[in-house]
């Protein structure tokens, strides 16, 4: 499912910030790429998994939607499987 979280505030856990830095992902670029989020129905409850495109790279986020914004629990550079899911979903919604 495609979601637009542009303009939504992000709140980072320490773990998520450390993982982003480890994978050389810029949190400001992640925030800027939230216009197109492929959200996958992987978890039950509040927790969501979303994939975004940042330039030529892809980032997978695990987050919780709250009233005040998205709380990023963790993130990493997307696997090839996640990239394929992102491309398939964005092509379908074209």
PDB file of N, CA and C in Angstrom:
ATOM      1  N   UNK A   1       0.844  -1.161   0.000  1.00  0.00           N
ATOM      2  CA  UNK A   1       0.000   0.000   0.000  1.00  0.00           C
ATOM      3  C   UNK A   1       0.900   1.238   0.000  1.00  0.00           C
ATOM      4  N   UNK A   2       0.595   2.197  -0.862  1.00  0.00           N
ATOM      5  CA  UNK A   2       1.363   3.444  -0.913  1.00  0.00           C
ATOM      6  C   UNK A   2       0.830   4.433   0.106  1.00  0.00           C
ATOM      7  N   UNK A   3       1.740   5.065   0.811  1.00  0.00           N
ATOM      8  CA  UNK A   3       1.392   6.087   1.800  1.00  0.00           C
ATOM      9  C   UNK A   3       2.208   7.343   1.542  1.00  0.00           C
ATOM     10  N   UNK A   4       1.642   8.466   1.893  1.00  0.00           N
ATOM     11  CA  UNK A   4       2.350   9.749   1.823  1.00  0.00           C
ATOM     12  C   UNK A   4       2.471  10.278   3.244  1.00  0.00           C
ATOM     13  N   UNK A   5       3.687  10.273   3.761  1.00  0.00           N
ATOM     14  CA  UNK A   5       3.950  10.793   5.094  1.00  0.00           C
ATOM     15  C   UNK A   5       4.756  12.095   5.026  1.00  0.00           C
ATOM     16  N   UNK A   6       4.746  12.753   3.859  1.00  0.00           N
ATOM     17  CA  UNK A   6       5.464  14.018   3.758  1.00  0.00           C
ATOM     18  C   UNK A   6       4.830  15.008   4.733  1.00  0.00           C
ATOM     19  N   UNK A   7       5.639  15.780   5.360  1.00  0.00           N
ATOM     20  CA  UNK A   7       5.141  16.730   6.346  1.00  0.00           C
ATOM     21  C   UNK A   7       4.903  16.117   7.714  1.00  0.00           C
ATOM     22  N   UNK A   8       5.091  14.815   7.836  1.00  0.00           N
ATOM     23  CA  UNK A   8       4.919  14.133   9.117  1.00  0.00           C
ATOM     24  C   UNK A   8       6.231  14.186   9.885  1.00  0.00           C
ATOM     25  N   UNK A   9       6.166  14.507  11.150  1.00  0.00           N
ATOM     26  CA  UNK A   9       7.378  14.555  11.977  1.00  0.00           C
ATOM     27  C   UNK A   9       7.879  13.146  12.244  1.00  0.00           C
ATOM     28  N   UNK A  10       9.197  13.002  12.225  1.00  0.00           N
ATOM     29  CA  UNK A  10       9.826  11.735  12.579  1.00  0.00           C
ATOM     30  C   UNK A  10      10.493  11.876  13.928  1.00  0.00           C
ATOM     31  N   UNK A  11      10.324  10.867  14.742  1.00  0.00           N
ATOM     32  CA  UNK A  11      10.994  10.773  16.029  1.00  0.00           C
ATOM     33  C   UNK A  11      11.839   9.512  15.978  1.00  0.00           C
ATOM     34  N   UNK A  12      13.119   9.656  16.259  1.00  0.00           N
ATOM     35  CA  UNK A  12      14.075   8.568  16.116  1.00  0.00           C
ATOM     36  C   UNK A  12      14.419   7.953  17.460  1.00  0.00           C
ATOM     37  N   UNK A  13      14.377   6.624  17.520  1.00  0.00           N
ATOM     38  CA  UNK A  13      14.930   5.950  18.691  1.00  0.00           C
ATOM     39  C   UNK A  13      16.451   5.963  18.533  1.00  0.00           C
ATOM     40  N   UNK A  14      17.161   5.762  19.627  1.00  0.00           N
ATOM     41  CA  UNK A  14      18.627   5.698  19.537  1.00  0.00           C
ATOM     42  C   UNK A  14      19.064   4.583  18.598  1.00  0.00           C
ATOM     43  N   UNK A  15      18.381   3.458  18.694  1.00  0.00           N
ATOM     44  CA  UNK A  15      18.712   2.316  17.843  1.00  0.00           C
ATOM     45  C   UNK A  15      18.562   2.678  16.368  1.00  0.00           C
ATOM     46  N   UNK A  16      17.454   3.319  16.010  1.00  0.00           N
ATOM     47  CA  UNK A  16      17.208   3.694  14.615  1.00  0.00           C
ATOM     48  C   UNK A  16      18.267   4.673  14.117  1.00  0.00           C
ATOM     49  N   UNK A  17      18.607   5.647  14.936  1.00  0.00           N
ATOM     50  CA  UNK A  17      19.631   6.623  14.546  1.00  0.00           C
ATOM     51  C   UNK A  17      20.975   5.931  14.326  1.00  0.00           C
ATOM     52  N   UNK A  18      21.322   5.014  15.213  1.00  0.00           N
ATOM     53  CA  UNK A  18      22.592   4.285  15.078  1.00  0.00           C
ATOM     54  C   UNK A  18      22.601   3.427  13.819  1.00  0.00           C
ATOM     55  N   UNK A  19      21.485   2.762  13.534  1.00  0.00           N
ATOM     56  CA  UNK A  19      21.398   1.919  12.337  1.00  0.00           C
ATOM     57  C   UNK A  19      21.496   2.761  11.068  1.00  0.00           C
ATOM     58  N   UNK A  20      20.852   3.921  11.053  1.00  0.00           N
ATOM     59  CA  UNK A  20      20.919   4.813   9.889  1.00  0.00           C
ATOM     60  C   UNK A  20      22.362   5.241   9.636  1.00  0.00           C
ATOM     61  N   UNK A  21      23.041   5.640  10.681  1.00  0.00           N
ATOM     62  CA  UNK A  21      24.433   6.069  10.556  1.00  0.00           C
ATOM     63  C   UNK A  21      25.304   4.914  10.073  1.00  0.00           C
ATOM     64  N   UNK A  22      25.075   3.731  10.625  1.00  0.00           N
ATOM     65  CA  UNK A  22      25.863   2.548  10.238  1.00  0.00           C
ATOM     66  C   UNK A  22      25.731   2.232   8.755  1.00  0.00           C
ATOM     67  N   UNK A  23      24.529   2.428   8.195  1.00  0.00           N
ATOM     68  CA  UNK A  23      24.294   2.157   6.773  1.00  0.00           C
ATOM     69  C   UNK A  23      24.486   3.393   5.899  1.00  0.00           C
ATOM     70  N   UNK A  24      25.072   4.442   6.467  1.00  0.00           N
ATOM     71  CA  UNK A  24      25.365   5.680   5.743  1.00  0.00           C
ATOM     72  C   UNK A  24      24.096   6.309   5.148  1.00  0.00           C
ATOM     73  N   UNK A  25      23.025   6.292   5.933  1.00  0.00           N
ATOM     74  CA  UNK A  25      21.759   6.912   5.545  1.00  0.00           C
ATOM     75  C   UNK A  25      21.605   8.223   6.306  1.00  0.00           C
ATOM     76  N   UNK A  26      21.227   9.258   5.614  1.00  0.00           N
ATOM     77  CA  UNK A  26      21.064  10.573   6.209  1.00  0.00           C
ATOM     78  C   UNK A  26      19.611  10.744   6.677  1.00  0.00           C
ATOM     79  N   UNK A  27      19.385  10.957   7.973  1.00  0.00           N
ATOM     80  CA  UNK A  27      18.013  11.132   8.468  1.00  0.00           C
ATOM     81  C   UNK A  27      17.240  12.252   7.755  1.00  0.00           C
ATOM     82  N   UNK A  28      17.927  13.300   7.350  1.00  0.00           N
ATOM     83  CA  UNK A  28      17.246  14.393   6.632  1.00  0.00           C
ATOM     84  C   UNK A  28      16.769  13.915   5.257  1.00  0.00           C
ATOM     85  N   UNK A  29      17.553  13.074   4.599  1.00  0.00           N
ATOM     86  CA  UNK A  29      17.133  12.521   3.310  1.00  0.00           C
ATOM     87  C   UNK A  29      15.969  11.559   3.500  1.00  0.00           C
ATOM     88  N   UNK A  30      15.995  10.814   4.574  1.00  0.00           N
ATOM     89  CA  UNK A  30      14.881   9.901   4.863  1.00  0.00           C
ATOM     90  C   UNK A  30      13.603  10.703   5.051  1.00  0.00           C
ATOM     91  N   UNK A  31      13.673  11.765   5.836  1.00  0.00           N
ATOM     92  CA  UNK A  31      12.489  12.610   6.044  1.00  0.00           C
ATOM     93  C   UNK A  31      11.997  13.194   4.726  1.00  0.00           C
ATOM     94  N   UNK A  32      12.908  13.553   3.846  1.00  0.00           N
ATOM     95  CA  UNK A  32      12.530  14.124   2.552  1.00  0.00           C
ATOM     96  C   UNK A  32      11.930  13.120   1.582  1.00  0.00           C
ATOM     97  N   UNK A  33      12.124  11.832   1.824  1.00  0.00           N
ATOM     98  CA  UNK A  33      11.651  10.796   0.909  1.00  0.00           C
ATOM     99  C   UNK A  33      10.327  10.169   1.345  1.00  0.00           C
ATOM    100  N   UNK A  34       9.684  10.744   2.323  1.00  0.00           N
ATOM    101  CA  UNK A  34       8.453  10.138   2.858  1.00  0.00           C
ATOM    102  C   UNK A  34       7.206  10.402   2.020  1.00  0.00           C
ATOM    103  N   UNK A  35       7.363  11.034   0.869  1.00  0.00           N
ATOM    104  CA  UNK A  35       6.223  11.292   0.010  1.00  0.00           C
ATOM    105  C   UNK A  35       5.686   9.984  -0.592  1.00  0.00           C
ATOM    106  N   UNK A  36       6.584   9.036  -0.840  1.00  0.00           N
ATOM    107  CA  UNK A  36       6.185   7.735  -1.380  1.00  0.00           C
ATOM    108  C   UNK A  36       6.752   6.651  -0.468  1.00  0.00           C
ATOM    109  N   UNK A  37       5.879   6.084   0.359  1.00  0.00           N
ATOM    110  CA  UNK A  37       6.259   4.995   1.256  1.00  0.00           C
ATOM    111  C   UNK A  37       5.431   3.773   0.868  1.00  0.00           C
ATOM    112  N   UNK A  38       6.122   2.686   0.558  1.00  0.00           N
ATOM    113  CA  UNK A  38       5.419   1.427   0.324  1.00  0.00           C
ATOM    114  C   UNK A  38       5.321   0.754   1.689  1.00  0.00           C
ATOM    115  N   UNK A  39       4.098   0.741   2.216  1.00  0.00           N
ATOM    116  CA  UNK A  39       3.851   0.192   3.546  1.00  0.00           C
ATOM    117  C   UNK A  39       3.366  -1.247   3.394  1.00  0.00           C
ATOM    118  N   UNK A  40       4.051  -2.155   4.069  1.00  0.00           N
ATOM    119  CA  UNK A  40       3.729  -3.573   3.953  1.00  0.00           C
ATOM    120  C   UNK A  40       3.003  -4.058   5.202  1.00  0.00           C
ATOM    121  N   UNK A  41       1.957  -4.844   5.012  1.00  0.00           N
ATOM    122  CA  UNK A  41       1.166  -5.341   6.151  1.00  0.00           C
ATOM    123  C   UNK A  41       1.821  -6.550   6.800  1.00  0.00           C
ATOM    124  N   UNK A  42       2.997  -6.338   7.360  1.00  0.00           N
ATOM    125  CA  UNK A  42       3.773  -7.451   7.893  1.00  0.00           C
ATOM    126  C   UNK A  42       3.478  -7.735   9.356  1.00  0.00           C
ATOM    127  N   UNK A  43       3.210  -6.692  10.115  1.00  0.00           N
ATOM    128  CA  UNK A  43       3.044  -6.828  11.550  1.00  0.00           C
ATOM    129  C   UNK A  43       1.587  -6.665  11.951  1.00  0.00           C
ATOM    130  N   UNK A  44       1.220  -7.258  13.071  1.00  0.00           N
ATOM    131  CA  UNK A  44      -0.093  -7.005  13.661  1.00  0.00           C
ATOM    132  C   UNK A  44       0.044  -5.829  14.608  1.00  0.00           C
ATOM    133  N   UNK A  45      -0.989  -5.051  14.745  1.00  0.00           N
ATOM    134  CA  UNK A  45      -0.943  -3.935  15.679  1.00  0.00           C
ATOM    135  C   UNK A  45      -0.394  -2.670  15.062  1.00  0.00           C
ATOM    136  N   UNK A  46       0.244  -1.867  15.885  1.00  0.00           N
ATOM    137  CA  UNK A  46       0.698  -0.539  15.480  1.00  0.00           C
ATOM    138  C   UNK A  46       1.938  -0.528  14.602  1.00  0.00           C
ATOM    139  N   UNK A  47       2.810  -1.505  14.780  1.00  0.00           N
ATOM    140  CA  UNK A  47       4.103  -1.491  14.099  1.00  0.00           C
ATOM    141  C   UNK A  47       3.932  -1.720  12.603  1.00  0.00           C
ATOM    142  N   UNK A  48       4.641  -0.912  11.794  1.00  0.00           N
ATOM    143  CA  UNK A  48       4.576  -0.996  10.334  1.00  0.00           C
ATOM    144  C   UNK A  48       5.974  -1.114   9.753  1.00  0.00           C
ATOM    145  N   UNK A  49       6.053  -1.681   8.560  1.00  0.00           N
ATOM    146  CA  UNK A  49       7.306  -1.708   7.807  1.00  0.00           C
ATOM    147  C   UNK A  49       7.066  -0.959   6.518  1.00  0.00           C
ATOM    148  N   UNK A  50       7.913   0.002   6.229  1.00  0.00           N
ATOM    149  CA  UNK A  50       7.792   0.788   5.009  1.00  0.00           C
ATOM    150  C   UNK A  50       9.118   0.864   4.281  1.00  0.00           C
ATOM    151  N   UNK A  51       9.021   0.998   2.967  1.00  0.00           N
ATOM    152  CA  UNK A  51      10.207   1.105   2.124  1.00  0.00           C
ATOM    153  C   UNK A  51      10.123   2.432   1.381  1.00  0.00           C
ATOM    154  N   UNK A  52      11.246   3.162   1.364  1.00  0.00           N
ATOM    155  CA  UNK A  52      11.314   4.429   0.655  1.00  0.00           C
ATOM    156  C   UNK A  52      12.516   4.421  -0.279  1.00  0.00           C
ATOM    157  N   UNK A  53      12.484   5.318  -1.261  1.00  0.00           N
ATOM    158  CA  UNK A  53      13.605   5.469  -2.185  1.00  0.00           C
ATOM    159  C   UNK A  53      14.284   6.793  -1.896  1.00  0.00           C
ATOM    160  N   UNK A  54      15.611   6.730  -1.753  1.00  0.00           N
ATOM    161  CA  UNK A  54      16.418   7.927  -1.503  1.00  0.00           C
ATOM    162  C   UNK A  54      17.458   7.981  -2.609  1.00  0.00           C
ATOM    163  N   UNK A  55      17.230   8.809  -3.598  1.00  0.00           N
ATOM    164  CA  UNK A  55      18.135   8.839  -4.748  1.00  0.00           C
ATOM    165  C   UNK A  55      18.087   7.506  -5.456  1.00  0.00           C
ATOM    166  N   UNK A  56      19.216   6.825  -5.531  1.00  0.00           N
ATOM    167  CA  UNK A  56      19.283   5.501  -6.153  1.00  0.00           C
ATOM    168  C   UNK A  56      19.290   4.377  -5.113  1.00  0.00           C
ATOM    169  N   UNK A  57      19.153   4.728  -3.845  1.00  0.00           N
ATOM    170  CA  UNK A  57      19.163   3.744  -2.761  1.00  0.00           C
ATOM    171  C   UNK A  57      17.756   3.582  -2.190  1.00  0.00           C
ATOM    172  N   UNK A  58      17.567   2.508  -1.444  1.00  0.00           N
ATOM    173  CA  UNK A  58      16.292   2.232  -0.798  1.00  0.00           C
ATOM    174  C   UNK A  58      16.536   2.001   0.684  1.00  0.00           C
ATOM    175  N   UNK A  59      15.556   2.397   1.481  1.00  0.00           N
ATOM    176  CA  UNK A  59      15.670   2.287   2.928  1.00  0.00           C
ATOM    177  C   UNK A  59      14.396   1.625   3.460  1.00  0.00           C
ATOM    178  N   UNK A  60      14.568   0.664   4.343  1.00  0.00           N
ATOM    179  CA  UNK A  60      13.448   0.005   5.000  1.00  0.00           C
ATOM    180  C   UNK A  60      13.350   0.549   6.425  1.00  0.00           C
ATOM    181  N   UNK A  61      12.158   0.944   6.800  1.00  0.00           N
ATOM    182  CA  UNK A  61      11.898   1.510   8.124  1.00  0.00           C
ATOM    183  C   UNK A  61      10.892   0.645   8.869  1.00  0.00           C
ATOM    184  N   UNK A  62      11.118   0.476  10.143  1.00  0.00           N
ATOM    185  CA  UNK A  62      10.104  -0.087  11.033  1.00  0.00           C
ATOM    186  C   UNK A  62       9.678   1.067  11.918  1.00  0.00           C
ATOM    187  N   UNK A  63       8.382   1.341  11.965  1.00  0.00           N
ATOM    188  CA  UNK A  63       7.895   2.516  12.686  1.00  0.00           C
ATOM    189  C   UNK A  63       6.515   2.273  13.271  1.00  0.00           C
ATOM    190  N   UNK A  64       6.149   3.201  14.128  1.00  0.00           N
ATOM    191  CA  UNK A  64       4.823   3.208  14.734  1.00  0.00           C
ATOM    192  C   UNK A  64       4.209   4.565  14.437  1.00  0.00           C
ATOM    193  N   UNK A  65       2.964   4.555  13.966  1.00  0.00           N
ATOM    194  CA  UNK A  65       2.257   5.810  13.705  1.00  0.00           C
ATOM    195  C   UNK A  65       1.616   6.282  15.004  1.00  0.00           C
ATOM    196  N   UNK A  66       1.932   7.499  15.381  1.00  0.00           N
ATOM    197  CA  UNK A  66       1.350   8.125  16.566  1.00  0.00           C
ATOM    198  C   UNK A  66       0.691   9.437  16.148  1.00  0.00           C
ATOM    199  N   UNK A  67      -0.082  10.005  17.039  1.00  0.00           N
ATOM    200  CA  UNK A  67      -0.753  11.269  16.754  1.00  0.00           C
ATOM    201  C   UNK A  67       0.235  12.372  16.395  1.00  0.00           C
ATOM    202  N   UNK A  68       1.367  12.391  17.067  1.00  0.00           N
ATOM    203  CA  UNK A  68       2.342  13.456  16.887  1.00  0.00           C
ATOM    204  C   UNK A  68       3.331  13.190  15.751  1.00  0.00           C
ATOM    205  N   UNK A  69       3.300  12.014  15.123  1.00  0.00           N
ATOM    206  CA  UNK A  69       4.200  11.703  14.017  1.00  0.00           C
ATOM    207  C   UNK A  69       4.548  10.227  13.966  1.00  0.00           C
ATOM    208  N   UNK A  70       5.624   9.922  13.276  1.00  0.00           N
ATOM    209  CA  UNK A  70       6.095   8.544  13.172  1.00  0.00           C
ATOM    210  C   UNK A  70       7.280   8.349  14.102  1.00  0.00           C
ATOM    211  N   UNK A  71       7.246   7.288  14.875  1.00  0.00           N
ATOM    212  CA  UNK A  71       8.368   6.926  15.724  1.00  0.00           C
ATOM    213  C   UNK A  71       9.131   5.837  14.981  1.00  0.00           C
ATOM    214  N   UNK A  72      10.345   6.166  14.547  1.00  0.00           N
ATOM    215  CA  UNK A  72      11.170   5.210  13.804  1.00  0.00           C
ATOM    216  C   UNK A  72      11.878   4.318  14.819  1.00  0.00           C
ATOM    217  N   UNK A  73      11.573   3.034  14.760  1.00  0.00           N
ATOM    218  CA  UNK A  73      12.146   2.068  15.684  1.00  0.00           C
ATOM    219  C   UNK A  73      13.509   1.602  15.177  1.00  0.00           C
ATOM    220  N   UNK A  74      13.573   1.336  13.882  1.00  0.00           N
ATOM    221  CA  UNK A  74      14.847   0.970  13.262  1.00  0.00           C
ATOM    222  C   UNK A  74      14.754   1.201  11.764  1.00  0.00           C
ATOM    223  N   UNK A  75      15.908   1.256  11.112  1.00  0.00           N
ATOM    224  CA  UNK A  75      15.947   1.391   9.658  1.00  0.00           C
ATOM    225  C   UNK A  75      17.268   0.834   9.147  1.00  0.00           C
ATOM    226  N   UNK A  76      17.274   0.466   7.864  1.00  0.00           N
ATOM    227  CA  UNK A  76      18.485  -0.082   7.264  1.00  0.00           C
ATOM    228  C   UNK A  76      18.368   0.042   5.755  1.00  0.00           C
ATOM    229  N   UNK A  77      19.495  -0.153   5.072  1.00  0.00           N
ATOM    230  CA  UNK A  77      19.460  -0.165   3.616  1.00  0.00           C
ATOM    231  C   UNK A  77      18.687  -1.402   3.185  1.00  0.00           C
ATOM    232  N   UNK A  78      17.744  -1.217   2.278  1.00  0.00           N
ATOM    233  CA  UNK A  78      16.823  -2.284   1.887  1.00  0.00           C
ATOM    234  C   UNK A  78      17.523  -3.443   1.188  1.00  0.00           C
ATOM    235  N   UNK A  79      16.987  -4.633   1.426  1.00  0.00           N
ATOM    236  CA  UNK A  79      17.441  -5.833   0.726  1.00  0.00           C
ATOM    237  C   UNK A  79      16.880  -5.820  -0.698  1.00  0.00           C
ATOM    238  N   UNK A  80      17.386  -6.692  -1.540  1.00  0.00           N
ATOM    239  CA  UNK A  80      16.877  -6.791  -2.906  1.00  0.00           C
ATOM    240  C   UNK A  80      15.400  -7.179  -2.927  1.00  0.00           C
ATOM    241  N   UNK A  81      14.973  -8.001  -1.978  1.00  0.00           N
ATOM    242  CA  UNK A  81      13.564  -8.381  -1.885  1.00  0.00           C
ATOM    243  C   UNK A  81      12.697  -7.158  -1.596  1.00  0.00           C
ATOM    244  N   UNK A  82      13.130  -6.292  -0.667  1.00  0.00           N
ATOM    245  CA  UNK A  82      12.384  -5.075  -0.356  1.00  0.00           C
ATOM    246  C   UNK A  82      12.350  -4.133  -1.556  1.00  0.00           C
ATOM    247  N   UNK A  83      13.472  -4.013  -2.254  1.00  0.00           N
ATOM    248  CA  UNK A  83      13.532  -3.151  -3.442  1.00  0.00           C
ATOM    249  C   UNK A  83      12.543  -3.647  -4.489  1.00  0.00           C
ATOM    250  N   UNK A  84      12.481  -4.957  -4.683  1.00  0.00           N
ATOM    251  CA  UNK A  84      11.539  -5.542  -5.644  1.00  0.00           C
ATOM    252  C   UNK A  84      10.095  -5.230  -5.245  1.00  0.00           C
ATOM    253  N   UNK A  85       9.780  -5.365  -3.955  1.00  0.00           N
ATOM    254  CA  UNK A  85       8.428  -5.050  -3.480  1.00  0.00           C
ATOM    255  C   UNK A  85       8.100  -3.577  -3.726  1.00  0.00           C
ATOM    256  N   UNK A  86       9.055  -2.695  -3.457  1.00  0.00           N
ATOM    257  CA  UNK A  86       8.859  -1.256  -3.681  1.00  0.00           C
ATOM    258  C   UNK A  86       8.554  -0.999  -5.160  1.00  0.00           C
ATOM    259  N   UNK A  87       9.385  -1.533  -6.034  1.00  0.00           N
ATOM    260  CA  UNK A  87       9.200  -1.309  -7.472  1.00  0.00           C
ATOM    261  C   UNK A  87       7.877  -1.875  -7.972  1.00  0.00           C
ATOM    262  N   UNK A  88       7.516  -3.080  -7.530  1.00  0.00           N
ATOM    263  CA  UNK A  88       6.254  -3.683  -7.946  1.00  0.00           C
ATOM    264  C   UNK A  88       5.062  -2.826  -7.511  1.00  0.00           C
ATOM    265  N   UNK A  89       5.069  -2.375  -6.273  1.00  0.00           N
ATOM    266  CA  UNK A  89       3.939  -1.588  -5.759  1.00  0.00           C
ATOM    267  C   UNK A  89       3.851  -0.225  -6.436  1.00  0.00           C
ATOM    268  N   UNK A  90       4.975   0.431  -6.671  1.00  0.00           N
ATOM    269  CA  UNK A  90       4.922   1.758  -7.312  1.00  0.00           C
ATOM    270  C   UNK A  90       4.538   1.638  -8.772  1.00  0.00           C
ATOM    271  N   UNK A  91       4.896   0.552  -9.440  1.00  0.00           N
ATOM    272  CA  UNK A  91       4.467   0.334 -10.835  1.00  0.00           C
ATOM    273  C   UNK A  91       2.966   0.111 -10.908  1.00  0.00           C
ATOM    274  N   UNK A  92       2.453  -0.672  -9.963  1.00  0.00           N
ATOM    275  CA  UNK A  92       1.002  -0.939  -9.926  1.00  0.00           C
ATOM    276  C   UNK A  92       0.199   0.330  -9.744  1.00  0.00           C
ATOM    277  N   UNK A  93       0.702   1.209  -8.896  1.00  0.00           N
ATOM    278  CA  UNK A  93      -0.022   2.454  -8.565  1.00  0.00           C
ATOM    279  C   UNK A  93       0.294   3.569  -9.550  1.00  0.00           C
ATOM    280  N   UNK A  94       1.377   3.344 -10.334  1.00  0.00           N
ATOM    281  CA  UNK A  94       1.864   4.221 -11.362  1.00  0.00           C
ATOM    282  C   UNK A  94       1.485   5.591 -11.328  1.00  0.00           C
TER     283      UNK A  94
END
